[in-house]
Amino acid sequence: MNTISEVPAVPAPQYPEFPYTPEQLQWLADLDSGKYQQGKFCLQQDNKFCCLGVAMDSLGIKPVRFTGNYNSDFEAAAVFEFPAENGDTATEASGSLTPEAIRRLQMNSGAGALYPQIAVPRHLKKDPIALTCFKSLVELNDEYEYTHKQIADFIRKYPTSVFTNLNTDTDEVL
């Protein structure tokens, strides 16, 4: 009969380095840089940027004009018009990446949706061993108040949940 000490160790699977694109690497570097003041509920407002606002700036996608505020269920947020890839101006709500940014960064969605969602331990006052599922980068930025650097570290830890680089099932952005 084998004892535990006689059972050979199973080596951890070896995966190649995630194939980040230059634009993804630039976004991660910008998140790490500390040059962007953290913002919430809006891509950018009053010189504050959420993590996706940093992505837009990293890509050089600048708002054409600010069109005012709208009231959402959460909080008033800025609405910007961004240039569309075909040269038209497309109005985008404040908290989402433009279709061009989604395509260039190979993201799952405009909110930075995580597929699959990431279950992590969360220290709650009433239940210290509870798990929570992170659904998007917006959620990490706005609700859990991760810093830009923490978000960059999270992306590096779970790149296949954030980016579609390795998804060969479809050419479409989900």
C-alpha atoms as a PDB file:
ATOM      1  CA  MET A   1       0.000   0.000   0.000  1.00  0.00           C
ATOM      2  CA  ASN A   2       1.343   3.423  -0.968  1.00  0.00           C
ATOM      3  CA  THR A   3       1.723   6.129   1.614  1.00  0.00           C
ATOM      4  CA  ILE A   4       1.289   9.763   0.776  1.00  0.00           C
ATOM      5  CA  SER A   5       5.056  10.265   0.788  1.00  0.00           C
ATOM      6  CA  GLU A   6       5.435   7.540  -1.883  1.00  0.00           C
ATOM      7  CA  VAL A   7       2.990   9.154  -4.330  1.00  0.00           C
ATOM      8  CA  PRO A   8       4.972  11.167  -6.884  1.00  0.00           C
ATOM      9  CA  ALA A   9       4.185  14.869  -7.082  1.00  0.00           C
ATOM     10  CA  VAL A  10       2.234  15.956 -10.141  1.00  0.00           C
ATOM     11  CA  PRO A  11       4.008  18.865 -11.815  1.00  0.00           C
ATOM     12  CA  ALA A  12       2.031  22.084 -12.228  1.00  0.00           C
ATOM     13  CA  PRO A  13       0.868  22.650 -15.796  1.00  0.00           C
ATOM     14  CA  GLN A  14       3.160  24.884 -17.794  1.00  0.00           C
ATOM     15  CA  TYR A  15       1.473  27.572 -19.860  1.00  0.00           C
ATOM     16  CA  PRO A  16       3.161  29.959 -22.242  1.00  0.00           C
ATOM     17  CA  GLU A  17       3.259  33.629 -21.334  1.00  0.00           C
ATOM     18  CA  PHE A  18      -0.044  35.344 -22.168  1.00  0.00           C
ATOM     19  CA  PRO A  19       0.243  36.938 -25.631  1.00  0.00           C
ATOM     20  CA  TYR A  20      -0.470  40.547 -24.680  1.00  0.00           C
ATOM     21  CA  THR A  21      -0.773  42.985 -27.576  1.00  0.00           C
ATOM     22  CA  PRO A  22       1.287  46.194 -27.503  1.00  0.00           C
ATOM     23  CA  GLU A  23      -1.900  48.182 -26.791  1.00  0.00           C
ATOM     24  CA  GLN A  24      -2.791  45.935 -23.844  1.00  0.00           C
ATOM     25  CA  LEU A  25       0.741  46.309 -22.452  1.00  0.00           C
ATOM     26  CA  GLN A  26       0.553  50.102 -22.815  1.00  0.00           C
ATOM     27  CA  TRP A  27      -2.752  50.182 -20.922  1.00  0.00           C
ATOM     28  CA  LEU A  28      -1.291  48.063 -18.114  1.00  0.00           C
ATOM     29  CA  ALA A  29       1.781  50.323 -17.965  1.00  0.00           C
ATOM     30  CA  ASP A  30      -0.459  53.407 -17.791  1.00  0.00           C
ATOM     31  CA  LEU A  31      -2.507  51.835 -14.977  1.00  0.00           C
ATOM     32  CA  ASP A  32       0.749  51.157 -13.095  1.00  0.00           C
ATOM     33  CA  SER A  33       2.238  54.591 -13.786  1.00  0.00           C
ATOM     34  CA  GLY A  34       0.407  56.604 -11.135  1.00  0.00           C
ATOM     35  CA  LYS A  35      -0.056  59.492 -13.581  1.00  0.00           C
ATOM     36  CA  TYR A  36      -3.859  59.100 -13.638  1.00  0.00           C
ATOM     37  CA  GLN A  37      -5.964  60.235 -10.710  1.00  0.00           C
ATOM     38  CA  GLN A  38      -8.572  57.578  -9.838  1.00  0.00           C
ATOM     39  CA  GLY A  39     -12.195  58.288 -10.724  1.00  0.00           C
ATOM     40  CA  LYS A  40     -15.441  56.359 -10.456  1.00  0.00           C
ATOM     41  CA  PHE A  41     -18.715  56.034 -12.382  1.00  0.00           C
ATOM     42  CA  CYS A  42     -17.295  57.773 -15.453  1.00  0.00           C
ATOM     43  CA  LEU A  43     -14.540  57.217 -18.022  1.00  0.00           C
ATOM     44  CA  GLN A  44     -13.092  60.594 -17.150  1.00  0.00           C
ATOM     45  CA  GLN A  45     -14.338  63.657 -15.363  1.00  0.00           C
ATOM     46  CA  ASP A  46     -12.548  66.522 -13.648  1.00  0.00           C
ATOM     47  CA  ASN A  47      -9.145  65.005 -14.571  1.00  0.00           C
ATOM     48  CA  LYS A  48     -10.072  61.720 -12.855  1.00  0.00           C
ATOM     49  CA  PHE A  49     -10.115  58.463 -14.799  1.00  0.00           C
ATOM     50  CA  CYS A  50     -11.666  55.093 -14.106  1.00  0.00           C
ATOM     51  CA  CYS A  51      -9.605  52.114 -15.289  1.00  0.00           C
ATOM     52  CA  LEU A  52     -11.466  52.101 -18.630  1.00  0.00           C
ATOM     53  CA  GLY A  53     -10.922  55.846 -19.024  1.00  0.00           C
ATOM     54  CA  VAL A  54      -7.197  55.128 -18.725  1.00  0.00           C
ATOM     55  CA  ALA A  55      -7.649  52.532 -21.493  1.00  0.00           C
ATOM     56  CA  MET A  56      -9.285  55.093 -23.779  1.00  0.00           C
ATOM     57  CA  ASP A  57      -6.509  57.599 -23.108  1.00  0.00           C
ATOM     58  CA  SER A  58      -3.840  54.909 -23.651  1.00  0.00           C
ATOM     59  CA  LEU A  59      -5.351  54.217 -27.058  1.00  0.00           C
ATOM     60  CA  GLY A  60      -5.404  57.931 -27.895  1.00  0.00           C
ATOM     61  CA  ILE A  61      -9.206  57.947 -28.186  1.00  0.00           C
ATOM     62  CA  LYS A  62     -10.097  61.398 -26.912  1.00  0.00           C
ATOM     63  CA  PRO A  63     -13.612  62.736 -26.470  1.00  0.00           C
ATOM     64  CA  VAL A  64     -14.725  65.097 -29.211  1.00  0.00           C
ATOM     65  CA  ARG A  65     -16.911  67.009 -26.833  1.00  0.00           C
ATOM     66  CA  PHE A  66     -18.583  66.798 -23.469  1.00  0.00           C
ATOM     67  CA  THR A  67     -22.359  66.719 -23.817  1.00  0.00           C
ATOM     68  CA  GLY A  68     -23.405  67.167 -20.202  1.00  0.00           C
ATOM     69  CA  ASN A  69     -24.650  64.986 -17.406  1.00  0.00           C
ATOM     70  CA  TYR A  70     -27.327  62.340 -17.262  1.00  0.00           C
ATOM     71  CA  ASN A  71     -28.855  60.708 -14.224  1.00  0.00           C
ATOM     72  CA  SER A  72     -28.278  56.990 -13.970  1.00  0.00           C
ATOM     73  CA  ASP A  73     -29.574  54.671 -11.283  1.00  0.00           C
ATOM     74  CA  PHE A  74     -26.229  54.976  -9.519  1.00  0.00           C
ATOM     75  CA  GLU A  75     -24.979  58.506  -9.879  1.00  0.00           C
ATOM     76  CA  ALA A  76     -24.871  61.428 -12.280  1.00  0.00           C
ATOM     77  CA  ALA A  77     -22.158  60.842 -14.833  1.00  0.00           C
ATOM     78  CA  ALA A  78     -20.645  62.635 -17.781  1.00  0.00           C
ATOM     79  CA  VAL A  79     -21.561  61.782 -21.358  1.00  0.00           C
ATOM     80  CA  PHE A  80     -18.964  62.245 -24.087  1.00  0.00           C
ATOM     81  CA  GLU A  81     -18.962  62.038 -27.839  1.00  0.00           C
ATOM     82  CA  PHE A  82     -16.093  60.032 -29.292  1.00  0.00           C
ATOM     83  CA  PRO A  83     -15.005  59.773 -32.911  1.00  0.00           C
ATOM     84  CA  ALA A  84     -16.181  56.559 -34.581  1.00  0.00           C
ATOM     85  CA  GLU A  85     -13.772  54.552 -36.726  1.00  0.00           C
ATOM     86  CA  ASN A  86     -15.729  55.498 -39.868  1.00  0.00           C
ATOM     87  CA  GLY A  87     -15.196  59.200 -39.174  1.00  0.00           C
ATOM     88  CA  ASP A  88     -18.659  59.859 -37.750  1.00  0.00           C
ATOM     89  CA  THR A  89     -19.137  61.017 -34.181  1.00  0.00           C
ATOM     90  CA  ALA A  90     -20.712  58.433 -31.931  1.00  0.00           C
ATOM     91  CA  THR A  91     -22.168  59.348 -28.566  1.00  0.00           C
ATOM     92  CA  GLU A  92     -21.069  56.977 -25.855  1.00  0.00           C
ATOM     93  CA  ALA A  93     -22.310  56.691 -22.297  1.00  0.00           C
ATOM     94  CA  SER A  94     -19.762  57.572 -19.690  1.00  0.00           C
ATOM     95  CA  GLY A  95     -18.753  54.189 -18.308  1.00  0.00           C
ATOM     96  CA  SER A  96     -18.230  52.059 -21.418  1.00  0.00           C
ATOM     97  CA  LEU A  97     -15.431  51.623 -23.882  1.00  0.00           C
ATOM     98  CA  THR A  98     -16.191  52.566 -27.465  1.00  0.00           C
ATOM     99  CA  PRO A  99     -16.508  49.741 -30.016  1.00  0.00           C
ATOM    100  CA  GLU A 100     -13.090  50.732 -31.387  1.00  0.00           C
ATOM    101  CA  ALA A 101     -11.493  50.417 -27.938  1.00  0.00           C
ATOM    102  CA  ILE A 102     -13.151  47.030 -27.351  1.00  0.00           C
ATOM    103  CA  ARG A 103     -11.800  45.783 -30.678  1.00  0.00           C
ATOM    104  CA  ARG A 104      -8.298  47.190 -30.269  1.00  0.00           C
ATOM    105  CA  LEU A 105      -7.875  45.905 -26.715  1.00  0.00           C
ATOM    106  CA  GLN A 106      -9.626  42.604 -27.523  1.00  0.00           C
ATOM    107  CA  MET A 107     -11.950  43.003 -24.533  1.00  0.00           C
ATOM    108  CA  ASN A 108     -15.034  40.952 -23.732  1.00  0.00           C
ATOM    109  CA  SER A 109     -17.262  44.026 -23.447  1.00  0.00           C
ATOM    110  CA  GLY A 110     -17.334  47.776 -22.999  1.00  0.00           C
ATOM    111  CA  ALA A 111     -17.545  47.367 -19.216  1.00  0.00           C
ATOM    112  CA  GLY A 112     -14.551  45.055 -19.054  1.00  0.00           C
ATOM    113  CA  ALA A 113     -16.707  41.995 -18.378  1.00  0.00           C
ATOM    114  CA  LEU A 114     -14.884  38.992 -16.972  1.00  0.00           C
ATOM    115  CA  TYR A 115     -15.515  35.670 -18.726  1.00  0.00           C
ATOM    116  CA  PRO A 116     -15.468  33.542 -16.711  1.00  0.00           C
ATOM    117  CA  GLN A 117     -16.265  35.528 -13.607  1.00  0.00           C
ATOM    118  CA  ILE A 118     -13.626  35.331 -10.890  1.00  0.00           C
ATOM    119  CA  ALA A 119     -14.632  33.969  -7.460  1.00  0.00           C
ATOM    120  CA  VAL A 120     -12.420  35.289  -4.683  1.00  0.00           C
ATOM    121  CA  PRO A 121     -12.522  35.291  -0.870  1.00  0.00           C
ATOM    122  CA  ARG A 122     -14.017  38.448   0.506  1.00  0.00           C
ATOM    123  CA  HIS A 123     -13.809  39.531   4.104  1.00  0.00           C
ATOM    124  CA  LEU A 124     -17.329  40.480   5.123  1.00  0.00           C
ATOM    125  CA  LYS A 125     -18.226  41.625   8.627  1.00  0.00           C
ATOM    126  CA  LYS A 126     -20.992  39.032   8.982  1.00  0.00           C
ATOM    127  CA  ASP A 127     -19.375  36.184   7.056  1.00  0.00           C
ATOM    128  CA  PRO A 128     -15.565  36.343   6.897  1.00  0.00           C
ATOM    129  CA  ILE A 129     -15.225  33.237   4.685  1.00  0.00           C
ATOM    130  CA  ALA A 130     -17.736  34.241   2.012  1.00  0.00           C
ATOM    131  CA  LEU A 131     -16.811  34.249  -1.669  1.00  0.00           C
ATOM    132  CA  THR A 132     -17.783  36.911  -4.117  1.00  0.00           C
ATOM    133  CA  CYS A 133     -17.727  36.814  -7.917  1.00  0.00           C
ATOM    134  CA  PHE A 134     -16.138  39.704  -9.723  1.00  0.00           C
ATOM    135  CA  LYS A 135     -18.082  40.346 -12.935  1.00  0.00           C
ATOM    136  CA  SER A 136     -16.266  43.287 -14.536  1.00  0.00           C
ATOM    137  CA  LEU A 137     -13.402  45.741 -14.301  1.00  0.00           C
ATOM    138  CA  VAL A 138     -15.968  48.509 -13.778  1.00  0.00           C
ATOM    139  CA  GLU A 139     -17.117  46.678 -10.648  1.00  0.00           C
ATOM    140  CA  LEU A 140     -13.528  46.447  -9.340  1.00  0.00           C
ATOM    141  CA  ASN A 141     -13.010  50.162 -10.004  1.00  0.00           C
ATOM    142  CA  ASP A 142     -16.330  51.566  -8.799  1.00  0.00           C
ATOM    143  CA  GLU A 143     -17.728  49.205  -6.166  1.00  0.00           C
ATOM    144  CA  TYR A 144     -14.639  47.552  -4.672  1.00  0.00           C
ATOM    145  CA  GLU A 145     -12.487  50.666  -5.121  1.00  0.00           C
ATOM    146  CA  TYR A 146      -9.425  48.846  -6.445  1.00  0.00           C
ATOM    147  CA  THR A 147      -6.637  51.255  -7.322  1.00  0.00           C
ATOM    148  CA  HIS A 148      -5.404  51.429 -10.901  1.00  0.00           C
ATOM    149  CA  LYS A 149      -2.330  49.414  -9.886  1.00  0.00           C
ATOM    150  CA  GLN A 150      -4.478  46.757  -8.190  1.00  0.00           C
ATOM    151  CA  ILE A 151      -6.591  46.507 -11.345  1.00  0.00           C
ATOM    152  CA  ALA A 152      -3.461  46.101 -13.487  1.00  0.00           C
ATOM    153  CA  ASP A 153      -2.265  43.346 -11.142  1.00  0.00           C
ATOM    154  CA  PHE A 154      -5.701  41.675 -11.322  1.00  0.00           C
ATOM    155  CA  ILE A 155      -5.635  41.786 -15.137  1.00  0.00           C
ATOM    156  CA  ARG A 156      -2.156  40.221 -15.165  1.00  0.00           C
ATOM    157  CA  LYS A 157      -3.368  37.473 -12.841  1.00  0.00           C
ATOM    158  CA  TYR A 158      -6.507  36.702 -14.903  1.00  0.00           C
ATOM    159  CA  PRO A 159      -5.779  37.851 -18.496  1.00  0.00           C
ATOM    160  CA  THR A 160      -7.886  35.120 -20.118  1.00  0.00           C
ATOM    161  CA  SER A 161     -10.962  36.425 -18.262  1.00  0.00           C
ATOM    162  CA  VAL A 162     -10.359  39.989 -19.463  1.00  0.00           C
ATOM    163  CA  PHE A 163      -9.009  39.661 -22.996  1.00  0.00           C
ATOM    164  CA  THR A 164     -10.170  37.575 -25.941  1.00  0.00           C
ATOM    165  CA  ASN A 165      -6.692  37.019 -27.456  1.00  0.00           C
ATOM    166  CA  LEU A 166      -6.910  33.255 -26.967  1.00  0.00           C
ATOM    167  CA  ASN A 167     -10.584  32.918 -27.919  1.00  0.00           C
ATOM    168  CA  THR A 168     -10.558  31.150 -31.279  1.00  0.00           C
ATOM    169  CA  ASP A 169     -14.270  30.306 -31.305  1.00  0.00           C
ATOM    170  CA  THR A 170     -15.402  33.621 -32.762  1.00  0.00           C
ATOM    171  CA  ASP A 171     -14.066  36.795 -34.332  1.00  0.00           C
ATOM    172  CA  GLU A 172     -16.856  38.823 -32.779  1.00  0.00           C
ATOM    173  CA  VAL A 173     -16.600  40.847 -29.592  1.00  0.00           C
ATOM    174  CA  LEU A 174     -19.010  39.483 -27.004  1.00  0.00           C
END
